[in-house]
């Protein structure tokens, strides 16, 4: 590409503001699924997690910044879908919408304890997927039953010791079949115990819709954190998403009803008049206080642009960190 003749920053800005983010998101999700399927031989882990755009809040609403929930393919490092909650919705509702456009057949969905509930389990299993969901105190009765089952039964166990990033880590997986399902598709309880260097051991519990081997459990529970390292960290550190002050960047959507109508079909099309960058920044409802960084940038996360277009902060790229 001849970078001296490439479209300018403002050209990309105007183009992206005129796109319908929902339509683009659906189209990109279809492409992403086909892309993953083309090179996939083993079940893919799709991690669900939400991320707040810390500085893109409306005036007086610093405690409630915009939120985006993403579905991230851990192995291919591809963001398959991203949804921002509508008015009156929360991260739970947005996560259910994230998995709607994704083909879940043969996939394992991982998520934190917020999404360990019957609606999520049913949405995944009805569409041919499996789940591995964290279990914590927000489901205290299920947590108690999981601990009792692990204490009474003889679990399958596997251990692993790793040295990485200057620290030694020991991890152990214990798996038992559930005596009875606690939500749709539930088949097993998993306990992961880990210890870094000389720190106290940390125990985490999970509910799974398939009876995994202990070795698989060690791999799959670790794979969930790719969404933090491979997506959120990239968005924040490389693209400065958390520094973005763009709260609303979309122009009013184009009305397709007038395109190709009898009144206009015989007339030459009227080319749209694009506002200048200054006019866009000063338009009502715009709250951007910093200049927009370059919108086109190649990174190791394949579908970063789709995530940007589906995020409230289209104008200022996207980011967060490690687990």
Protein backbone atom coordinates (compact mmCIF):
# COMPACT_ATOMS: atom_id res chain seq x y z
CA UNK A 1 0.00 0.00 0.00
CA UNK A 2 1.18 3.50 -0.82
CA UNK A 3 0.83 5.11 2.59
CA UNK A 4 1.31 8.59 1.14
CA UNK A 5 -1.87 8.10 -0.90
CA UNK A 6 -3.83 6.09 1.69
CA UNK A 7 -7.15 7.47 2.97
CA UNK A 8 -6.75 9.94 5.78
CA UNK A 9 -7.65 9.60 9.45
CA UNK A 10 -10.80 11.68 8.88
CA UNK A 11 -11.90 9.51 5.94
CA UNK A 12 -11.77 6.38 8.07
CA UNK A 13 -13.55 8.23 10.86
CA UNK A 14 -16.44 9.31 8.61
CA UNK A 15 -16.76 5.84 7.08
CA UNK A 16 -16.86 4.02 10.40
CA UNK A 17 -19.36 6.48 11.85
CA UNK A 18 -21.75 5.84 8.95
CA UNK A 19 -21.66 2.04 9.26
CA UNK A 20 -24.52 0.34 11.08
CA UNK A 21 -22.60 -1.43 13.89
CA UNK A 22 -25.25 -4.13 14.37
CA UNK A 23 -25.35 -5.06 10.67
CA UNK A 24 -21.57 -5.01 10.44
CA UNK A 25 -21.33 -7.11 13.60
CA UNK A 26 -23.64 -9.78 12.16
CA UNK A 27 -21.71 -9.89 8.90
CA UNK A 28 -18.37 -10.08 10.65
CA UNK A 29 -19.60 -12.77 13.04
CA UNK A 30 -20.60 -14.94 10.06
CA UNK A 31 -17.16 -14.44 8.54
CA UNK A 32 -15.41 -15.14 11.84
CA UNK A 33 -17.26 -18.43 12.36
CA UNK A 34 -16.41 -19.60 8.84
CA UNK A 35 -12.79 -18.55 9.33
CA UNK A 36 -12.45 -20.51 12.57
CA UNK A 37 -14.19 -23.58 11.14
CA UNK A 38 -11.85 -23.65 8.12
CA UNK A 39 -8.79 -24.49 10.20
CA UNK A 40 -10.34 -26.12 13.24
CA UNK A 41 -9.81 -29.81 13.95
CA UNK A 42 -10.42 -29.88 17.72
CA UNK A 43 -13.21 -28.29 19.80
CA UNK A 44 -12.75 -24.57 20.17
CA UNK A 45 -12.88 -22.77 23.50
CA UNK A 46 -14.99 -19.59 23.32
CA UNK A 47 -14.54 -17.36 26.36
CA UNK A 48 -17.21 -14.87 27.44
CA UNK A 49 -16.29 -11.81 29.46
CA UNK A 50 -17.30 -8.19 29.89
CA UNK A 51 -15.06 -5.14 29.84
CA UNK A 52 -15.87 -1.57 30.85
CA UNK A 53 -14.60 1.45 28.91
CA UNK A 54 -13.52 3.27 32.02
CA UNK A 55 -13.38 6.85 30.72
CA UNK A 56 -16.16 6.76 28.12
CA UNK A 57 -18.90 7.58 30.63
CA UNK A 58 -21.56 10.27 30.36
CA UNK A 59 -21.19 13.31 32.56
CA UNK A 60 -22.12 12.44 36.15
CA UNK A 61 -22.05 8.68 35.48
CA UNK A 62 -18.43 7.86 36.25
CA UNK A 63 -19.55 4.84 38.28
CA UNK A 64 -21.38 3.37 35.25
CA UNK A 65 -19.05 3.39 32.23
CA UNK A 66 -20.14 1.67 29.00
CA UNK A 67 -19.71 -2.10 28.96
CA UNK A 68 -18.94 -4.50 26.11
CA UNK A 69 -19.29 -8.28 26.41
CA UNK A 70 -17.17 -10.31 23.99
CA UNK A 71 -17.01 -13.89 22.77
CA UNK A 72 -13.35 -14.73 22.12
CA UNK A 73 -12.05 -17.86 20.36
CA UNK A 74 -9.05 -18.78 22.50
CA UNK A 75 -7.02 -20.80 20.01
CA UNK A 76 -7.49 -18.64 16.91
CA UNK A 77 -7.42 -15.42 18.99
CA UNK A 78 -10.47 -14.11 17.18
CA UNK A 79 -13.28 -12.02 18.64
CA UNK A 80 -16.38 -13.79 17.28
CA UNK A 81 -19.00 -11.36 18.60
CA UNK A 82 -19.37 -8.38 20.91
CA UNK A 83 -22.49 -6.79 22.41
CA UNK A 84 -23.07 -3.72 24.56
CA UNK A 85 -26.07 -3.91 26.93
CA UNK A 86 -29.08 -1.82 25.94
CA UNK A 87 -30.87 0.46 28.38
CA UNK A 88 -32.19 -1.61 31.28
CA UNK A 89 -29.95 -4.59 30.46
CA UNK A 90 -26.83 -5.86 32.20
CA UNK A 91 -23.85 -8.07 31.43
CA UNK A 92 -25.91 -11.25 31.89
CA UNK A 93 -28.37 -10.23 29.16
CA UNK A 94 -25.59 -9.05 26.86
CA UNK A 95 -23.71 -12.36 27.21
CA UNK A 96 -26.81 -14.27 26.11
CA UNK A 97 -26.94 -12.06 23.01
CA UNK A 98 -23.24 -12.61 22.30
CA UNK A 99 -23.67 -16.34 21.75
CA UNK A 100 -26.73 -15.97 19.49
CA UNK A 101 -24.82 -15.46 16.20
CA UNK A 102 -22.11 -18.03 17.02
CA UNK A 103 -22.34 -21.63 15.84
CA UNK A 104 -21.87 -23.49 19.12
CA UNK A 105 -21.70 -26.99 17.66
CA UNK A 106 -18.61 -28.70 19.03
CA UNK A 107 -17.58 -25.63 21.02
CA UNK A 108 -16.94 -25.25 24.74
CA UNK A 109 -18.13 -21.97 26.27
CA UNK A 110 -16.22 -20.73 29.32
CA UNK A 111 -17.33 -17.86 31.54
CA UNK A 112 -17.00 -16.54 35.07
CA UNK A 113 -19.45 -17.15 37.91
CA UNK A 114 -21.78 -14.32 36.85
CA UNK A 115 -22.88 -16.45 33.89
CA UNK A 116 -23.32 -19.70 35.81
CA UNK A 117 -27.12 -19.86 35.63
CA UNK A 118 -29.78 -22.04 33.97
CA UNK A 119 -30.56 -19.60 31.15
CA UNK A 120 -26.98 -19.62 29.93
CA UNK A 121 -26.69 -23.40 30.30
CA UNK A 122 -29.88 -23.93 28.32
CA UNK A 123 -28.88 -21.46 25.58
CA UNK A 124 -25.58 -23.29 25.07
CA UNK A 125 -26.73 -26.91 25.23
CA UNK A 126 -29.81 -26.40 23.05
CA UNK A 127 -27.52 -25.28 20.24
CA UNK A 128 -25.08 -28.16 20.45
CA UNK A 129 -22.39 -26.59 22.63
CA UNK A 130 -20.86 -27.47 25.98
CA UNK A 131 -20.00 -25.22 28.90
CA UNK A 132 -17.41 -24.86 31.65
CA UNK A 133 -18.68 -22.20 34.06
CA UNK A 134 -17.05 -20.95 37.23
CA UNK A 135 -18.99 -21.63 40.44
CA UNK A 136 -18.72 -19.21 43.36
CA UNK A 137 -20.64 -17.86 46.34
CA UNK A 138 -23.32 -16.19 44.24
CA UNK A 139 -24.70 -19.76 43.90
CA UNK A 140 -24.04 -20.74 47.49
CA UNK A 141 -26.37 -23.77 47.52
CA UNK A 142 -24.75 -25.17 44.37
CA UNK A 143 -21.32 -24.41 45.84
CA UNK A 144 -22.15 -26.38 48.99
CA UNK A 145 -23.41 -29.35 46.97
CA UNK A 146 -20.29 -29.28 44.78
CA UNK A 147 -18.02 -29.41 47.84
CA UNK A 148 -20.06 -32.24 49.37
CA UNK A 149 -19.93 -34.24 46.14
CA UNK A 150 -16.17 -33.78 45.80
CA UNK A 151 -15.72 -34.87 49.43
CA UNK A 152 -17.95 -37.95 49.18
CA UNK A 153 -16.91 -39.29 45.78
CA UNK A 154 -13.51 -40.43 44.53
CA UNK A 155 -12.46 -37.88 41.94
CA UNK A 156 -10.21 -38.34 38.94
CA UNK A 157 -7.03 -36.36 39.60
CA UNK A 158 -4.20 -34.94 37.54
CA UNK A 159 -1.36 -32.60 38.53
CA UNK A 160 0.91 -30.30 36.57
CA UNK A 161 3.94 -28.18 37.49
CA UNK A 162 5.05 -25.31 35.27
CA UNK A 163 7.76 -22.67 35.38
CA UNK A 164 6.93 -19.52 33.46
CA UNK A 165 7.38 -15.75 33.74
CA UNK A 166 9.80 -16.20 36.61
CA UNK A 167 7.44 -18.16 38.85
CA UNK A 168 6.74 -21.80 39.65
CA UNK A 169 3.13 -22.92 39.55
CA UNK A 170 1.58 -26.18 40.66
CA UNK A 171 -1.97 -27.02 39.54
CA UNK A 172 -4.24 -29.95 40.29
CA UNK A 173 -7.58 -30.88 38.73
CA UNK A 174 -10.23 -33.06 40.43
CA UNK A 175 -13.35 -34.16 38.57
CA UNK A 176 -16.47 -36.00 39.75
CA UNK A 177 -19.70 -36.75 37.97
CA UNK A 178 -22.71 -34.85 39.33
CA UNK A 179 -25.18 -36.97 41.31
CA UNK A 180 -28.00 -34.99 39.68
CA UNK A 181 -27.95 -32.05 37.25
CA UNK A 182 -28.36 -28.64 38.82
CA UNK A 183 -29.08 -26.91 35.51
CA UNK A 184 -29.61 -27.99 31.87
CA UNK A 185 -26.85 -30.26 30.62
CA UNK A 186 -24.93 -30.33 33.90
CA UNK A 187 -22.79 -33.47 34.22
CA UNK A 188 -19.72 -32.78 36.37
CA UNK A 189 -18.07 -30.73 39.09
CA UNK A 190 -14.45 -29.68 38.70
CA UNK A 191 -12.07 -28.36 41.35
CA UNK A 192 -8.81 -26.69 40.34
CA UNK A 193 -6.25 -26.14 43.08
CA UNK A 194 -3.26 -23.97 42.23
CA UNK A 195 -0.24 -22.58 44.07
CA UNK A 196 2.37 -20.10 42.88
CA UNK A 197 5.80 -20.33 44.51
CA UNK A 198 5.26 -20.36 48.30
CA UNK A 199 1.85 -18.68 48.33
CA UNK A 200 -1.22 -20.32 49.86
CA UNK A 201 -3.12 -22.71 47.56
CA UNK A 202 -6.11 -21.26 45.70
CA UNK A 203 -9.17 -23.42 44.98
CA UNK A 204 -11.71 -22.76 42.22
CA UNK A 205 -14.84 -24.72 41.35
CA UNK A 206 -16.54 -25.20 38.00
CA UNK A 207 -19.67 -26.80 36.59
CA UNK A 208 -19.35 -28.63 33.27
CA UNK A 209 -21.79 -30.07 30.77
CA UNK A 210 -19.38 -32.84 29.78
CA UNK A 211 -17.25 -35.24 31.81
CA UNK A 212 -13.75 -34.04 30.97
CA UNK A 213 -10.51 -35.78 31.81
CA UNK A 214 -8.41 -34.05 34.51
CA UNK A 215 -5.78 -33.17 31.89
CA UNK A 216 -8.42 -31.53 29.71
CA UNK A 217 -9.75 -29.62 32.70
CA UNK A 218 -6.30 -28.17 33.38
CA UNK A 219 -5.98 -27.02 29.77
CA UNK A 220 -9.50 -25.64 29.34
CA UNK A 221 -9.68 -23.69 32.58
CA UNK A 222 -6.38 -22.04 31.67
CA UNK A 223 -7.59 -21.32 28.10
CA UNK A 224 -10.37 -19.08 29.44
CA UNK A 225 -7.83 -16.42 30.39
CA UNK A 226 -6.87 -15.90 26.75
CA UNK A 227 -9.68 -13.36 26.56
CA UNK A 228 -7.84 -11.25 29.13
CA UNK A 229 -4.38 -11.65 27.65
CA UNK A 230 -5.27 -11.87 23.96
CA UNK A 231 -8.11 -9.34 23.76
CA UNK A 232 -8.56 -7.04 26.76
CA UNK A 233 -4.84 -6.51 27.26
CA UNK A 234 -4.36 -5.77 23.56
CA UNK A 235 -7.22 -3.28 23.57
CA UNK A 236 -5.98 -1.37 26.60
CA UNK A 237 -2.21 -1.51 26.22
CA UNK A 238 -1.89 -1.29 22.44
CA UNK A 239 -5.00 0.68 21.54
CA UNK A 240 -5.54 2.75 24.70
CA UNK A 241 -9.24 1.93 24.99
CA UNK A 242 -9.44 2.88 28.65
CA UNK A 243 -8.15 6.36 27.78
CA UNK A 244 -10.96 6.95 25.29
CA UNK A 245 -13.48 9.63 26.22
CA UNK A 246 -15.77 8.89 23.27
CA UNK A 247 -19.20 8.17 24.70
CA UNK A 248 -21.31 8.49 21.51
CA UNK A 249 -19.75 8.43 18.07
CA UNK A 250 -22.39 7.05 15.70
CA UNK A 251 -24.24 9.37 13.34
CA UNK A 252 -27.98 8.70 12.89
CA UNK A 253 -28.43 5.47 10.90
CA UNK A 254 -29.09 5.73 7.18
CA UNK A 255 -32.75 5.14 6.33
CA UNK A 256 -32.82 2.51 3.55
CA UNK A 257 -36.50 3.01 2.76
CA UNK A 258 -35.79 5.87 0.35
CA UNK A 259 -33.09 4.01 -1.57
CA UNK A 260 -34.43 2.47 -4.77
CA UNK A 261 -38.00 3.67 -4.15
CA UNK A 262 -40.17 4.52 -7.21
CA UNK A 263 -39.71 8.22 -6.49
CA UNK A 264 -35.93 7.96 -6.65
CA UNK A 265 -35.19 4.92 -8.84
CA UNK A 266 -35.18 6.94 -12.07
CA UNK A 267 -33.05 9.73 -10.70
CA UNK A 268 -29.28 9.68 -10.49
CA UNK A 269 -28.21 8.86 -6.96
CA UNK A 270 -27.36 11.75 -4.70
CA UNK A 271 -23.94 11.32 -3.20
CA UNK A 272 -23.86 11.81 0.56
CA UNK A 273 -22.27 14.95 1.92
CA UNK A 274 -19.83 14.04 4.64
CA UNK A 275 -19.33 16.46 7.51
CA UNK A 276 -15.86 17.68 8.26
CA UNK A 277 -13.87 16.29 11.16
CA UNK A 278 -14.39 19.55 13.05
CA UNK A 279 -18.15 19.36 12.54
CA UNK A 280 -18.19 15.77 13.76
CA UNK A 281 -16.30 16.64 16.92
CA UNK A 282 -18.66 19.56 17.64
CA UNK A 283 -21.85 17.67 16.80
CA UNK A 284 -24.49 17.44 19.57
CA UNK A 285 -23.96 14.44 21.81
CA UNK A 286 -20.27 14.10 21.02
CA UNK A 287 -18.16 13.95 24.18
CA UNK A 288 -14.72 13.17 22.79
CA UNK A 289 -12.06 15.30 24.45
CA UNK A 290 -8.98 13.64 22.97
CA UNK A 291 -8.02 13.16 19.36
CA UNK A 292 -8.89 9.81 17.79
CA UNK A 293 -5.92 7.50 17.23
CA UNK A 294 -5.49 5.77 13.91
CA UNK A 295 -8.41 3.44 13.21
CA UNK A 296 -6.53 0.99 11.04
CA UNK A 297 -3.78 -0.93 12.78
CA UNK A 298 -2.69 -4.51 12.36
CA UNK A 299 -2.41 -6.46 15.61
CA UNK A 300 -2.09 -10.10 16.60
CA UNK A 301 -5.78 -10.17 17.52
CA UNK A 302 -7.48 -10.91 14.22
CA UNK A 303 -10.94 -9.38 14.75
CA UNK A 304 -10.08 -6.32 16.77
CA UNK A 305 -11.82 -4.03 14.30
CA UNK A 306 -15.12 -5.85 14.75
CA UNK A 307 -14.88 -5.43 18.49
CA UNK A 308 -14.22 -1.72 18.01
CA UNK A 309 -17.25 -1.28 15.78
CA UNK A 310 -19.49 -3.07 18.25
CA UNK A 311 -18.20 -1.05 21.20
CA UNK A 312 -19.69 2.26 22.32
CA UNK A 313 -16.26 3.88 21.80
CA UNK A 314 -15.93 3.29 18.03
CA UNK A 315 -13.76 6.32 17.62
CA UNK A 316 -11.00 5.56 20.04
CA UNK A 317 -10.03 1.88 20.00
CA UNK A 318 -10.30 -0.65 22.69
CA UNK A 319 -8.22 -2.49 25.61
CA UNK A 320 -7.58 -4.43 29.06
CA UNK A 321 -5.39 -6.78 31.01
CA UNK A 322 -4.27 -10.02 32.53
CA UNK A 323 -6.02 -12.31 35.00
